[in-house]
Amino acid sequence: VQLQASGGGLVQAGGSLRLSCTASDIVFSAHIMSWYRQAPGKQRELVAAITSASNKNYADSVKGRFTISRDNANNTVYLEMNSLKPADTAVYYCKAQRRGFARAYWGRGTLVTVSS
C-alpha cells in the first residue's frame, strides 16, 4: 500500500494551496481518508476527514477555510486550503483507514510553509 501526497510548498499568508494524496493497492472507496498535520515541536493533529459516504469533519482551527474531498475513481483525496495562516505551517500527512479495522496507512507527508 502506498499513499503519495503532493502539493505542499511555500505560500504567503492569505494564500491557497491544494494538497493531493493518491493511494494504491487498497480498496480506496472503502476507506476513511484523513489529513493530519504536524508542526515543529507539536503533536500530530487531525485536520480533516472524509468517510466512504463523503461525510466530512474538520478541526475547529480550519473550519470555513479548508475543504476535503475525494475522487474514488482516481483513488485520490484532496485538501483545498484557503486563507492560509502562519499557524498552518506543518508537514501534512494523509491517512487511510477502513472503518472497524485498527490498521491505518500513512503517506510520507508534504511540507506546507505559510509566511507572514
PDB file of N, CA and C in Angstrom:
ATOM      1  N   VAL A   1       0.848  -1.188   0.000  1.00  0.00           N
ATOM      2  CA  VAL A   1       0.000   0.000   0.000  1.00  0.00           C
ATOM      3  C   VAL A   1       0.884   1.239   0.000  1.00  0.00           C
ATOM      4  N   GLN A   2       0.531   2.173  -0.859  1.00  0.00           N
ATOM      5  CA  GLN A   2       1.274   3.440  -0.915  1.00  0.00           C
ATOM      6  C   GLN A   2       0.304   4.609  -0.936  1.00  0.00           C
ATOM      7  N   LEU A   3       0.644   5.613  -0.159  1.00  0.00           N
ATOM      8  CA  LEU A   3      -0.084   6.876  -0.190  1.00  0.00           C
ATOM      9  C   LEU A   3       0.915   7.955  -0.564  1.00  0.00           C
ATOM     10  N   GLN A   4       0.686   8.590  -1.683  1.00  0.00           N
ATOM     11  CA  GLN A   4       1.620   9.593  -2.185  1.00  0.00           C
ATOM     12  C   GLN A   4       0.972  10.962  -2.088  1.00  0.00           C
ATOM     13  N   ALA A   5       1.508  11.777  -1.192  1.00  0.00           N
ATOM     14  CA  ALA A   5       0.981  13.129  -1.004  1.00  0.00           C
ATOM     15  C   ALA A   5       1.808  14.133  -1.790  1.00  0.00           C
ATOM     16  N   SER A   6       1.157  15.162  -2.274  1.00  0.00           N
ATOM     17  CA  SER A   6       1.839  16.210  -3.021  1.00  0.00           C
ATOM     18  C   SER A   6       1.063  17.510  -2.892  1.00  0.00           C
ATOM     19  N   GLY A   7       1.683  18.591  -3.359  1.00  0.00           N
ATOM     20  CA  GLY A   7       1.004  19.873  -3.396  1.00  0.00           C
ATOM     21  C   GLY A   7       1.466  20.884  -2.367  1.00  0.00           C
ATOM     22  N   GLY A   8       2.329  20.464  -1.466  1.00  0.00           N
ATOM     23  CA  GLY A   8       2.832  21.404  -0.477  1.00  0.00           C
ATOM     24  C   GLY A   8       3.762  22.426  -1.103  1.00  0.00           C
ATOM     25  N   GLY A   9       4.103  23.432  -0.313  1.00  0.00           N
ATOM     26  CA  GLY A   9       5.007  24.461  -0.796  1.00  0.00           C
ATOM     27  C   GLY A   9       5.002  25.666   0.107  1.00  0.00           C
ATOM     28  N   LEU A  10       5.596  26.721  -0.387  1.00  0.00           N
ATOM     29  CA  LEU A  10       5.692  27.983   0.340  1.00  0.00           C
ATOM     30  C   LEU A  10       4.647  28.947  -0.207  1.00  0.00           C
ATOM     31  N   VAL A  11       3.869  29.533   0.693  1.00  0.00           N
ATOM     32  CA  VAL A  11       2.825  30.462   0.274  1.00  0.00           C
ATOM     33  C   VAL A  11       2.734  31.584   1.296  1.00  0.00           C
ATOM     34  N   GLN A  12       2.329  32.750   0.845  1.00  0.00           N
ATOM     35  CA  GLN A  12       2.149  33.868   1.764  1.00  0.00           C
ATOM     36  C   GLN A  12       0.834  33.734   2.519  1.00  0.00           C
ATOM     37  N   ALA A  13       0.781  34.348   3.685  1.00  0.00           N
ATOM     38  CA  ALA A  13      -0.451  34.360   4.458  1.00  0.00           C
ATOM     39  C   ALA A  13      -1.591  34.910   3.598  1.00  0.00           C
ATOM     40  N   GLY A  14      -2.741  34.252   3.700  1.00  0.00           N
ATOM     41  CA  GLY A  14      -3.891  34.626   2.894  1.00  0.00           C
ATOM     42  C   GLY A  14      -3.989  33.851   1.585  1.00  0.00           C
ATOM     43  N   GLY A  15      -2.941  33.141   1.250  1.00  0.00           N
ATOM     44  CA  GLY A  15      -2.904  32.395   0.006  1.00  0.00           C
ATOM     45  C   GLY A  15      -3.585  31.044   0.107  1.00  0.00           C
ATOM     46  N   SER A  16      -3.466  30.280  -0.974  1.00  0.00           N
ATOM     47  CA  SER A  16      -4.140  28.982  -1.070  1.00  0.00           C
ATOM     48  C   SER A  16      -3.192  27.917  -1.594  1.00  0.00           C
ATOM     49  N   LEU A  17      -3.475  26.705  -1.203  1.00  0.00           N
ATOM     50  CA  LEU A  17      -2.786  25.530  -1.727  1.00  0.00           C
ATOM     51  C   LEU A  17      -3.785  24.384  -1.811  1.00  0.00           C
ATOM     52  N   ARG A  18      -3.501  23.457  -2.704  1.00  0.00           N
ATOM     53  CA  ARG A  18      -4.320  22.252  -2.815  1.00  0.00           C
ATOM     54  C   ARG A  18      -3.415  21.031  -2.682  1.00  0.00           C
ATOM     55  N   LEU A  19      -3.660  20.257  -1.664  1.00  0.00           N
ATOM     56  CA  LEU A  19      -2.915  19.024  -1.464  1.00  0.00           C
ATOM     57  C   LEU A  19      -3.663  17.860  -2.096  1.00  0.00           C
ATOM     58  N   SER A  20      -2.884  16.903  -2.592  1.00  0.00           N
ATOM     59  CA  SER A  20      -3.455  15.684  -3.156  1.00  0.00           C
ATOM     60  C   SER A  20      -2.781  14.484  -2.514  1.00  0.00           C
ATOM     61  N   CYS A  21      -3.513  13.415  -2.409  1.00  0.00           N
ATOM     62  CA  CYS A  21      -2.951  12.159  -1.901  1.00  0.00           C
ATOM     63  C   CYS A  21      -3.578  11.025  -2.695  1.00  0.00           C
ATOM     64  N   THR A  22      -2.724  10.317  -3.398  1.00  0.00           N
ATOM     65  CA  THR A  22      -3.189   9.217  -4.234  1.00  0.00           C
ATOM     66  C   THR A  22      -2.768   7.894  -3.603  1.00  0.00           C
ATOM     67  N   ALA A  23      -3.714   6.994  -3.504  1.00  0.00           N
ATOM     68  CA  ALA A  23      -3.474   5.698  -2.869  1.00  0.00           C
ATOM     69  C   ALA A  23      -3.408   4.591  -3.903  1.00  0.00           C
ATOM     70  N   SER A  24      -2.613   3.593  -3.591  1.00  0.00           N
ATOM     71  CA  SER A  24      -2.537   2.418  -4.457  1.00  0.00           C
ATOM     72  C   SER A  24      -2.624   1.155  -3.603  1.00  0.00           C
ATOM     73  N   ASP A  25      -3.143   0.111  -4.219  1.00  0.00           N
ATOM     74  CA  ASP A  25      -3.230  -1.212  -3.586  1.00  0.00           C
ATOM     75  C   ASP A  25      -4.146  -1.266  -2.386  1.00  0.00           C
ATOM     76  N   ILE A  26      -5.160  -0.427  -2.365  1.00  0.00           N
ATOM     77  CA  ILE A  26      -6.226  -0.550  -1.362  1.00  0.00           C
ATOM     78  C   ILE A  26      -7.565  -0.372  -2.069  1.00  0.00           C
ATOM     79  N   VAL A  27      -8.611  -0.817  -1.416  1.00  0.00           N
ATOM     80  CA  VAL A  27      -9.959  -0.553  -1.914  1.00  0.00           C
ATOM     81  C   VAL A  27     -10.304   0.852  -1.433  1.00  0.00           C
ATOM     82  N   PHE A  28      -9.907   1.816  -2.216  1.00  0.00           N
ATOM     83  CA  PHE A  28      -9.939   3.216  -1.794  1.00  0.00           C
ATOM     84  C   PHE A  28     -11.321   3.631  -1.313  1.00  0.00           C
ATOM     85  N   SER A  29     -12.326   3.251  -2.052  1.00  0.00           N
ATOM     86  CA  SER A  29     -13.677   3.711  -1.735  1.00  0.00           C
ATOM     87  C   SER A  29     -14.163   3.225  -0.379  1.00  0.00           C
ATOM     88  N   ALA A  30     -13.546   2.199   0.152  1.00  0.00           N
ATOM     89  CA  ALA A  30     -13.976   1.626   1.432  1.00  0.00           C
ATOM     90  C   ALA A  30     -13.263   2.244   2.623  1.00  0.00           C
ATOM     91  N   HIS A  31     -12.333   3.145   2.362  1.00  0.00           N
ATOM     92  CA  HIS A  31     -11.511   3.714   3.429  1.00  0.00           C
ATOM     93  C   HIS A  31     -11.925   5.131   3.801  1.00  0.00           C
ATOM     94  N   ILE A  32     -11.848   5.400   5.089  1.00  0.00           N
ATOM     95  CA  ILE A  32     -11.922   6.772   5.567  1.00  0.00           C
ATOM     96  C   ILE A  32     -10.576   7.415   5.248  1.00  0.00           C
ATOM     97  N   MET A  33     -10.612   8.550   4.590  1.00  0.00           N
ATOM     98  CA  MET A  33      -9.396   9.263   4.234  1.00  0.00           C
ATOM     99  C   MET A  33      -9.289  10.520   5.096  1.00  0.00           C
ATOM    100  N   SER A  34      -8.092  10.746   5.611  1.00  0.00           N
ATOM    101  CA  SER A  34      -7.895  11.864   6.527  1.00  0.00           C
ATOM    102  C   SER A  34      -6.621  12.610   6.174  1.00  0.00           C
ATOM    103  N   TRP A  35      -6.611  13.854   6.572  1.00  0.00           N
ATOM    104  CA  TRP A  35      -5.393  14.668   6.534  1.00  0.00           C
ATOM    105  C   TRP A  35      -5.046  15.034   7.980  1.00  0.00           C
ATOM    106  N   TYR A  36      -3.793  14.832   8.315  1.00  0.00           N
ATOM    107  CA  TYR A  36      -3.245  15.242   9.591  1.00  0.00           C
ATOM    108  C   TYR A  36      -2.105  16.225   9.313  1.00  0.00           C
ATOM    109  N   ARG A  37      -1.701  16.924  10.349  1.00  0.00           N
ATOM    110  CA  ARG A  37      -0.532  17.780  10.221  1.00  0.00           C
ATOM    111  C   ARG A  37       0.266  17.761  11.510  1.00  0.00           C
ATOM    112  N   GLN A  38       1.547  18.018  11.337  1.00  0.00           N
ATOM    113  CA  GLN A  38       2.433  18.095  12.491  1.00  0.00           C
ATOM    114  C   GLN A  38       3.376  19.272  12.320  1.00  0.00           C
ATOM    115  N   ALA A  39       3.229  20.218  13.214  1.00  0.00           N
ATOM    116  CA  ALA A  39       4.095  21.386  13.222  1.00  0.00           C
ATOM    117  C   ALA A  39       5.328  21.081  14.081  1.00  0.00           C
ATOM    118  N   PRO A  40       6.420  21.809  13.862  1.00  0.00           N
ATOM    119  CA  PRO A  40       7.635  21.564  14.650  1.00  0.00           C
ATOM    120  C   PRO A  40       7.364  21.661  16.146  1.00  0.00           C
ATOM    121  N   GLY A  41       7.779  20.630  16.877  1.00  0.00           N
ATOM    122  CA  GLY A  41       7.622  20.638  18.321  1.00  0.00           C
ATOM    123  C   GLY A  41       6.230  20.340  18.811  1.00  0.00           C
ATOM    124  N   LYS A  42       5.324  19.988  17.908  1.00  0.00           N
ATOM    125  CA  LYS A  42       3.940  19.732  18.311  1.00  0.00           C
ATOM    126  C   LYS A  42       3.530  18.314  17.914  1.00  0.00           C
ATOM    127  N   GLN A  43       2.449  17.862  18.521  1.00  0.00           N
ATOM    128  CA  GLN A  43       1.930  16.547  18.183  1.00  0.00           C
ATOM    129  C   GLN A  43       1.170  16.587  16.863  1.00  0.00           C
ATOM    130  N   ARG A  44       1.109  15.450  16.234  1.00  0.00           N
ATOM    131  CA  ARG A  44       0.321  15.344  15.012  1.00  0.00           C
ATOM    132  C   ARG A  44      -1.162  15.506  15.362  1.00  0.00           C
ATOM    133  N   GLU A  45      -1.865  16.267  14.533  1.00  0.00           N
ATOM    134  CA  GLU A  45      -3.276  16.521  14.804  1.00  0.00           C
ATOM    135  C   GLU A  45      -4.111  16.294  13.556  1.00  0.00           C
ATOM    136  N   LEU A  46      -5.354  15.898  13.791  1.00  0.00           N
ATOM    137  CA  LEU A  46      -6.289  15.707  12.693  1.00  0.00           C
ATOM    138  C   LEU A  46      -6.722  17.052  12.137  1.00  0.00           C
ATOM    139  N   VAL A  47      -6.673  17.172  10.828  1.00  0.00           N
ATOM    140  CA  VAL A  47      -7.108  18.392  10.151  1.00  0.00           C
ATOM    141  C   VAL A  47      -8.508  18.203   9.573  1.00  0.00           C
ATOM    142  N   ALA A  48      -8.688  17.112   8.831  1.00  0.00           N
ATOM    143  CA  ALA A  48      -9.976  16.851   8.185  1.00  0.00           C
ATOM    144  C   ALA A  48     -10.068  15.383   7.822  1.00  0.00           C
ATOM    145  N   ALA A  49     -11.300  14.896   7.748  1.00  0.00           N
ATOM    146  CA  ALA A  49     -11.523  13.505   7.377  1.00  0.00           C
ATOM    147  C   ALA A  49     -12.775  13.406   6.527  1.00  0.00           C
ATOM    148  N   ILE A  50     -12.789  12.397   5.665  1.00  0.00           N
ATOM    149  CA  ILE A  50     -13.940  12.167   4.809  1.00  0.00           C
ATOM    150  C   ILE A  50     -14.198  10.663   4.751  1.00  0.00           C
ATOM    151  N   THR A  51     -15.447  10.288   4.999  1.00  0.00           N
ATOM    152  CA  THR A  51     -15.791   8.867   5.005  1.00  0.00           C
ATOM    153  C   THR A  51     -16.055   8.365   3.585  1.00  0.00           C
ATOM    154  N   SER A  52     -16.299   7.086   3.493  1.00  0.00           N
ATOM    155  CA  SER A  52     -16.607   6.494   2.193  1.00  0.00           C
ATOM    156  C   SER A  52     -17.924   7.043   1.635  1.00  0.00           C
ATOM    157  N   ALA A  53     -18.779   7.532   2.528  1.00  0.00           N
ATOM    158  CA  ALA A  53     -20.043   8.142   2.100  1.00  0.00           C
ATOM    159  C   ALA A  53     -19.915   9.650   1.930  1.00  0.00           C
ATOM    160  N   SER A  54     -18.662  10.131   1.999  1.00  0.00           N
ATOM    161  CA  SER A  54     -18.353  11.560   1.838  1.00  0.00           C
ATOM    162  C   SER A  54     -18.885  12.438   2.964  1.00  0.00           C
ATOM    163  N   ASN A  55     -19.080  11.871   4.142  1.00  0.00           N
ATOM    164  CA  ASN A  55     -19.315  12.692   5.318  1.00  0.00           C
ATOM    165  C   ASN A  55     -17.979  13.281   5.742  1.00  0.00           C
ATOM    166  N   LYS A  56     -18.000  14.545   6.145  1.00  0.00           N
ATOM    167  CA  LYS A  56     -16.750  15.242   6.419  1.00  0.00           C
ATOM    168  C   LYS A  56     -16.728  15.798   7.830  1.00  0.00           C
ATOM    169  N   ASN A  57     -15.550  15.871   8.395  1.00  0.00           N
ATOM    170  CA  ASN A  57     -15.389  16.621   9.627  1.00  0.00           C
ATOM    171  C   ASN A  57     -14.047  17.334   9.602  1.00  0.00           C
ATOM    172  N   TYR A  58     -13.998  18.439  10.338  1.00  0.00           N
ATOM    173  CA  TYR A  58     -12.838  19.331  10.301  1.00  0.00           C
ATOM    174  C   TYR A  58     -12.425  19.720  11.715  1.00  0.00           C
ATOM    175  N   ALA A  59     -11.153  19.977  11.868  1.00  0.00           N
ATOM    176  CA  ALA A  59     -10.685  20.606  13.098  1.00  0.00           C
ATOM    177  C   ALA A  59     -11.255  22.016  13.162  1.00  0.00           C
ATOM    178  N   ASP A  60     -11.548  22.471  14.369  1.00  0.00           N
ATOM    179  CA  ASP A  60     -12.128  23.811  14.514  1.00  0.00           C
ATOM    180  C   ASP A  60     -11.231  24.886  13.899  1.00  0.00           C
ATOM    181  N   SER A  61      -9.947  24.664  13.970  1.00  0.00           N
ATOM    182  CA  SER A  61      -8.992  25.687  13.508  1.00  0.00           C
ATOM    183  C   SER A  61      -9.013  25.881  11.993  1.00  0.00           C
ATOM    184  N   VAL A  62      -9.590  24.943  11.252  1.00  0.00           N
ATOM    185  CA  VAL A  62      -9.582  25.066   9.791  1.00  0.00           C
ATOM    186  C   VAL A  62     -10.987  25.166   9.194  1.00  0.00           C
ATOM    187  N   LYS A  63     -12.005  25.068  10.043  1.00  0.00           N
ATOM    188  CA  LYS A  63     -13.385  25.145   9.533  1.00  0.00           C
ATOM    189  C   LYS A  63     -13.611  26.459   8.794  1.00  0.00           C
ATOM    190  N   GLY A  64     -14.223  26.342   7.635  1.00  0.00           N
ATOM    191  CA  GLY A  64     -14.513  27.515   6.833  1.00  0.00           C
ATOM    192  C   GLY A  64     -13.366  27.931   5.921  1.00  0.00           C
ATOM    193  N   ARG A  65     -12.195  27.335   6.116  1.00  0.00           N
ATOM    194  CA  ARG A  65     -11.035  27.678   5.278  1.00  0.00           C
ATOM    195  C   ARG A  65     -10.560  26.488   4.443  1.00  0.00           C
ATOM    196  N   PHE A  66     -10.666  25.288   5.000  1.00  0.00           N
ATOM    197  CA  PHE A  66     -10.182  24.090   4.313  1.00  0.00           C
ATOM    198  C   PHE A  66     -11.375  23.247   3.869  1.00  0.00           C
ATOM    199  N   THR A  67     -11.197  22.555   2.745  1.00  0.00           N
ATOM    200  CA  THR A  67     -12.220  21.646   2.241  1.00  0.00           C
ATOM    201  C   THR A  67     -11.575  20.333   1.832  1.00  0.00           C
ATOM    202  N   ILE A  68     -12.095  19.249   2.369  1.00  0.00           N
ATOM    203  CA  ILE A  68     -11.615  17.924   1.987  1.00  0.00           C
ATOM    204  C   ILE A  68     -12.598  17.318   0.983  1.00  0.00           C
ATOM    205  N   SER A  69     -12.047  16.614   0.008  1.00  0.00           N
ATOM    206  CA  SER A  69     -12.883  15.942  -0.975  1.00  0.00           C
ATOM    207  C   SER A  69     -12.171  14.683  -1.443  1.00  0.00           C
ATOM    208  N   ARG A  70     -12.917  13.826  -2.128  1.00  0.00           N
ATOM    209  CA  ARG A  70     -12.309  12.580  -2.608  1.00  0.00           C
ATOM    210  C   ARG A  70     -12.814  12.260  -4.010  1.00  0.00           C
ATOM    211  N   ASP A  71     -11.963  11.577  -4.751  1.00  0.00           N
ATOM    212  CA  ASP A  71     -12.282  11.111  -6.095  1.00  0.00           C
ATOM    213  C   ASP A  71     -12.013   9.619  -6.098  1.00  0.00           C
ATOM    214  N   ASN A  72     -13.044   8.845  -5.884  1.00  0.00           N
ATOM    215  CA  ASN A  72     -12.868   7.395  -5.772  1.00  0.00           C
ATOM    216  C   ASN A  72     -12.419   6.765  -7.097  1.00  0.00           C
ATOM    217  N   ALA A  73     -12.780   7.368  -8.196  1.00  0.00           N
ATOM    218  CA  ALA A  73     -12.381   6.816  -9.491  1.00  0.00           C
ATOM    219  C   ALA A  73     -10.872   6.889  -9.691  1.00  0.00           C
ATOM    220  N   ASN A  74     -10.246   7.886  -9.049  1.00  0.00           N
ATOM    221  CA  ASN A  74      -8.803   8.075  -9.198  1.00  0.00           C
ATOM    222  C   ASN A  74      -8.028   7.833  -7.904  1.00  0.00           C
ATOM    223  N   ASN A  75      -8.721   7.231  -6.915  1.00  0.00           N
ATOM    224  CA  ASN A  75      -8.056   6.873  -5.645  1.00  0.00           C
ATOM    225  C   ASN A  75      -7.334   8.062  -5.012  1.00  0.00           C
ATOM    226  N   THR A  76      -7.953   9.220  -5.058  1.00  0.00           N
ATOM    227  CA  THR A  76      -7.285  10.443  -4.599  1.00  0.00           C
ATOM    228  C   THR A  76      -8.171  11.214  -3.632  1.00  0.00           C
ATOM    229  N   VAL A  77      -7.526  11.732  -2.602  1.00  0.00           N
ATOM    230  CA  VAL A  77      -8.182  12.639  -1.671  1.00  0.00           C
ATOM    231  C   VAL A  77      -7.474  13.988  -1.758  1.00  0.00           C
ATOM    232  N   TYR A  78      -8.262  15.046  -1.627  1.00  0.00           N
ATOM    233  CA  TYR A  78      -7.739  16.399  -1.767  1.00  0.00           C
ATOM    234  C   TYR A  78      -7.980  17.183  -0.486  1.00  0.00           C
ATOM    235  N   LEU A  79      -7.139  18.188  -0.294  1.00  0.00           N
ATOM    236  CA  LEU A  79      -7.359  19.159   0.763  1.00  0.00           C
ATOM    237  C   LEU A  79      -7.134  20.536   0.163  1.00  0.00           C
ATOM    238  N   GLU A  80      -8.223  21.248  -0.030  1.00  0.00           N
ATOM    239  CA  GLU A  80      -8.156  22.616  -0.536  1.00  0.00           C
ATOM    240  C   GLU A  80      -8.007  23.529   0.667  1.00  0.00           C
ATOM    241  N   MET A  81      -6.939  24.315   0.671  1.00  0.00           N
ATOM    242  CA  MET A  81      -6.632  25.178   1.815  1.00  0.00           C
ATOM    243  C   MET A  81      -6.634  26.626   1.366  1.00  0.00           C
ATOM    244  N   ASN A  82      -7.515  27.402   1.939  1.00  0.00           N
ATOM    245  CA  ASN A  82      -7.630  28.817   1.612  1.00  0.00           C
ATOM    246  C   ASN A  82      -7.373  29.671   2.850  1.00  0.00           C
ATOM    247  N   SER A  83      -7.141  30.938   2.623  1.00  0.00           N
ATOM    248  CA  SER A  83      -6.895  31.884   3.724  1.00  0.00           C
ATOM    249  C   SER A  83      -5.852  31.336   4.693  1.00  0.00           C
ATOM    250  N   LEU A  84      -4.766  30.866   4.145  1.00  0.00           N
ATOM    251  CA  LEU A  84      -3.746  30.222   4.967  1.00  0.00           C
ATOM    252  C   LEU A  84      -3.108  31.201   5.930  1.00  0.00           C
ATOM    253  N   LYS A  85      -2.746  30.659   7.097  1.00  0.00           N
ATOM    254  CA  LYS A  85      -2.128  31.443   8.155  1.00  0.00           C
ATOM    255  C   LYS A  85      -0.766  30.843   8.495  1.00  0.00           C
ATOM    256  N   PRO A  86       0.117  31.639   9.067  1.00  0.00           N
ATOM    257  CA  PRO A  86       1.397  31.056   9.501  1.00  0.00           C
ATOM    258  C   PRO A  86       1.215  29.854  10.432  1.00  0.00           C
ATOM    259  N   ALA A  87       0.144  29.860  11.224  1.00  0.00           N
ATOM    260  CA  ALA A  87      -0.119  28.745  12.133  1.00  0.00           C
ATOM    261  C   ALA A  87      -0.454  27.444  11.403  1.00  0.00           C
ATOM    262  N   ASP A  88      -0.721  27.531  10.103  1.00  0.00           N
ATOM    263  CA  ASP A  88      -0.991  26.329   9.304  1.00  0.00           C
ATOM    264  C   ASP A  88       0.297  25.647   8.835  1.00  0.00           C
ATOM    265  N   THR A  89       1.432  26.270   9.088  1.00  0.00           N
ATOM    266  CA  THR A  89       2.713  25.702   8.699  1.00  0.00           C
ATOM    267  C   THR A  89       2.937  24.370   9.397  1.00  0.00           C
ATOM    268  N   ALA A  90       3.170  23.333   8.608  1.00  0.00           N
ATOM    269  CA  ALA A  90       3.328  21.986   9.156  1.00  0.00           C
ATOM    270  C   ALA A  90       3.631  21.024   8.017  1.00  0.00           C
ATOM    271  N   VAL A  91       3.998  19.818   8.389  1.00  0.00           N
ATOM    272  CA  VAL A  91       4.028  18.724   7.431  1.00  0.00           C
ATOM    273  C   VAL A  91       2.647  18.079   7.452  1.00  0.00           C
ATOM    274  N   TYR A  92       2.059  17.955   6.291  1.00  0.00           N
ATOM    275  CA  TYR A  92       0.717  17.403   6.160  1.00  0.00           C
ATOM    276  C   TYR A  92       0.800  15.952   5.678  1.00  0.00           C
ATOM    277  N   TYR A  93       0.089  15.093   6.376  1.00  0.00           N
ATOM    278  CA  TYR A  93       0.088  13.662   6.068  1.00  0.00           C
ATOM    279  C   TYR A  93      -1.320  13.198   5.714  1.00  0.00           C
ATOM    280  N   CYS A  94      -1.414  12.285   4.771  1.00  0.00           N
ATOM    281  CA  CYS A  94      -2.697  11.652   4.525  1.00  0.00           C
ATOM    282  C   CYS A  94      -2.701  10.260   5.150  1.00  0.00           C
ATOM    283  N   LYS A  95      -3.878   9.842   5.498  1.00  0.00           N
ATOM    284  CA  LYS A  95      -4.068   8.567   6.186  1.00  0.00           C
ATOM    285  C   LYS A  95      -5.281   7.859   5.605  1.00  0.00           C
ATOM    286  N   ALA A  96      -5.161   6.551   5.481  1.00  0.00           N
ATOM    287  CA  ALA A  96      -6.278   5.731   5.030  1.00  0.00           C
ATOM    288  C   ALA A  96      -6.554   4.670   6.078  1.00  0.00           C
ATOM    289  N   GLN A  97      -7.817   4.534   6.444  1.00  0.00           N
ATOM    290  CA  GLN A  97      -8.185   3.524   7.441  1.00  0.00           C
ATOM    291  C   GLN A  97      -9.599   3.039   7.151  1.00  0.00           C
ATOM    292  N   ARG A  98      -9.722   1.742   7.139  1.00  0.00           N
ATOM    293  CA  ARG A  98     -11.026   1.164   6.878  1.00  0.00           C
ATOM    294  C   ARG A  98     -11.814   1.119   8.188  1.00  0.00           C
ATOM    295  N   ARG A  99     -13.037   1.511   8.147  1.00  0.00           N
ATOM    296  CA  ARG A  99     -13.881   1.519   9.351  1.00  0.00           C
ATOM    297  C   ARG A  99     -13.916   0.136   9.978  1.00  0.00           C
ATOM    298  N   GLY A 100     -13.659   0.090  11.296  1.00  0.00           N
ATOM    299  CA  GLY A 100     -13.695  -1.184  12.013  1.00  0.00           C
ATOM    300  C   GLY A 100     -12.364  -1.917  12.024  1.00  0.00           C
ATOM    301  N   PHE A 101     -11.379  -1.378  11.333  1.00  0.00           N
ATOM    302  CA  PHE A 101     -10.066  -2.008  11.290  1.00  0.00           C
ATOM    303  C   PHE A 101      -9.061  -1.120  12.031  1.00  0.00           C
ATOM    304  N   ALA A 102      -8.190  -1.743  12.787  1.00  0.00           N
ATOM    305  CA  ALA A 102      -7.200  -0.982  13.552  1.00  0.00           C
ATOM    306  C   ALA A 102      -6.063  -0.476  12.671  1.00  0.00           C
ATOM    307  N   ARG A 103      -5.761  -1.206  11.624  1.00  0.00           N
ATOM    308  CA  ARG A 103      -4.608  -0.827  10.803  1.00  0.00           C
ATOM    309  C   ARG A 103      -4.917   0.413   9.984  1.00  0.00           C
ATOM    310  N   ALA A 104      -3.916   1.294   9.954  1.00  0.00           N
ATOM    311  CA  ALA A 104      -4.025   2.508   9.149  1.00  0.00           C
ATOM    312  C   ALA A 104      -2.783   2.642   8.293  1.00  0.00           C
ATOM    313  N   TYR A 105      -2.942   3.302   7.171  1.00  0.00           N
ATOM    314  CA  TYR A 105      -1.831   3.541   6.252  1.00  0.00           C
ATOM    315  C   TYR A 105      -1.578   5.040   6.184  1.00  0.00           C
ATOM    316  N   TRP A 106      -0.289   5.398   6.192  1.00  0.00           N
ATOM    317  CA  TRP A 106       0.109   6.804   6.183  1.00  0.00           C
ATOM    318  C   TRP A 106       0.967   7.114   4.980  1.00  0.00           C
ATOM    319  N   GLY A 107       0.789   8.313   4.440  1.00  0.00           N
ATOM    320  CA  GLY A 107       1.692   8.805   3.432  1.00  0.00           C
ATOM    321  C   GLY A 107       2.909   9.436   4.087  1.00  0.00           C
ATOM    322  N   ARG A 108       3.867   9.828   3.275  1.00  0.00           N
ATOM    323  CA  ARG A 108       5.126  10.384   3.798  1.00  0.00           C
ATOM    324  C   ARG A 108       5.004  11.824   4.245  1.00  0.00           C
ATOM    325  N   GLY A 109       4.068  12.532   3.764  1.00  0.00           N
ATOM    326  CA  GLY A 109       3.910  13.916   4.179  1.00  0.00           C
ATOM    327  C   GLY A 109       4.403  14.901   3.142  1.00  0.00           C
ATOM    328  N   THR A 110       3.786  16.054   3.166  1.00  0.00           N
ATOM    329  CA  THR A 110       4.195  17.147   2.293  1.00  0.00           C
ATOM    330  C   THR A 110       4.223  18.422   3.124  1.00  0.00           C
ATOM    331  N   LEU A 111       5.279  19.204   2.954  1.00  0.00           N
ATOM    332  CA  LEU A 111       5.500  20.374   3.789  1.00  0.00           C
ATOM    333  C   LEU A 111       4.748  21.591   3.257  1.00  0.00           C
ATOM    334  N   VAL A 112       4.010  22.221   4.142  1.00  0.00           N
ATOM    335  CA  VAL A 112       3.341  23.480   3.846  1.00  0.00           C
ATOM    336  C   VAL A 112       3.948  24.557   4.734  1.00  0.00           C
ATOM    337  N   THR A 113       4.444  25.599   4.112  1.00  0.00           N
ATOM    338  CA  THR A 113       5.027  26.713   4.854  1.00  0.00           C
ATOM    339  C   THR A 113       4.284  27.985   4.473  1.00  0.00           C
ATOM    340  N   VAL A 114       3.742  28.650   5.479  1.00  0.00           N
ATOM    341  CA  VAL A 114       2.996  29.888   5.256  1.00  0.00           C
ATOM    342  C   VAL A 114       3.782  31.030   5.875  1.00  0.00           C
ATOM    343  N   SER A 115       4.192  31.962   5.045  1.00  0.00           N
ATOM    344  CA  SER A 115       4.974  33.096   5.537  1.00  0.00           C
ATOM    345  C   SER A 115       4.063  34.275   5.867  1.00  0.00           C
ATOM    346  N   SER A 116       4.493  35.055   6.842  1.00  0.00           N
ATOM    347  CA  SER A 116       3.675  36.212   7.265  1.00  0.00           C
ATOM    348  C   SER A 116       4.031  37.463   6.488  1.00  0.00           C
TER     349      SER A 116
END
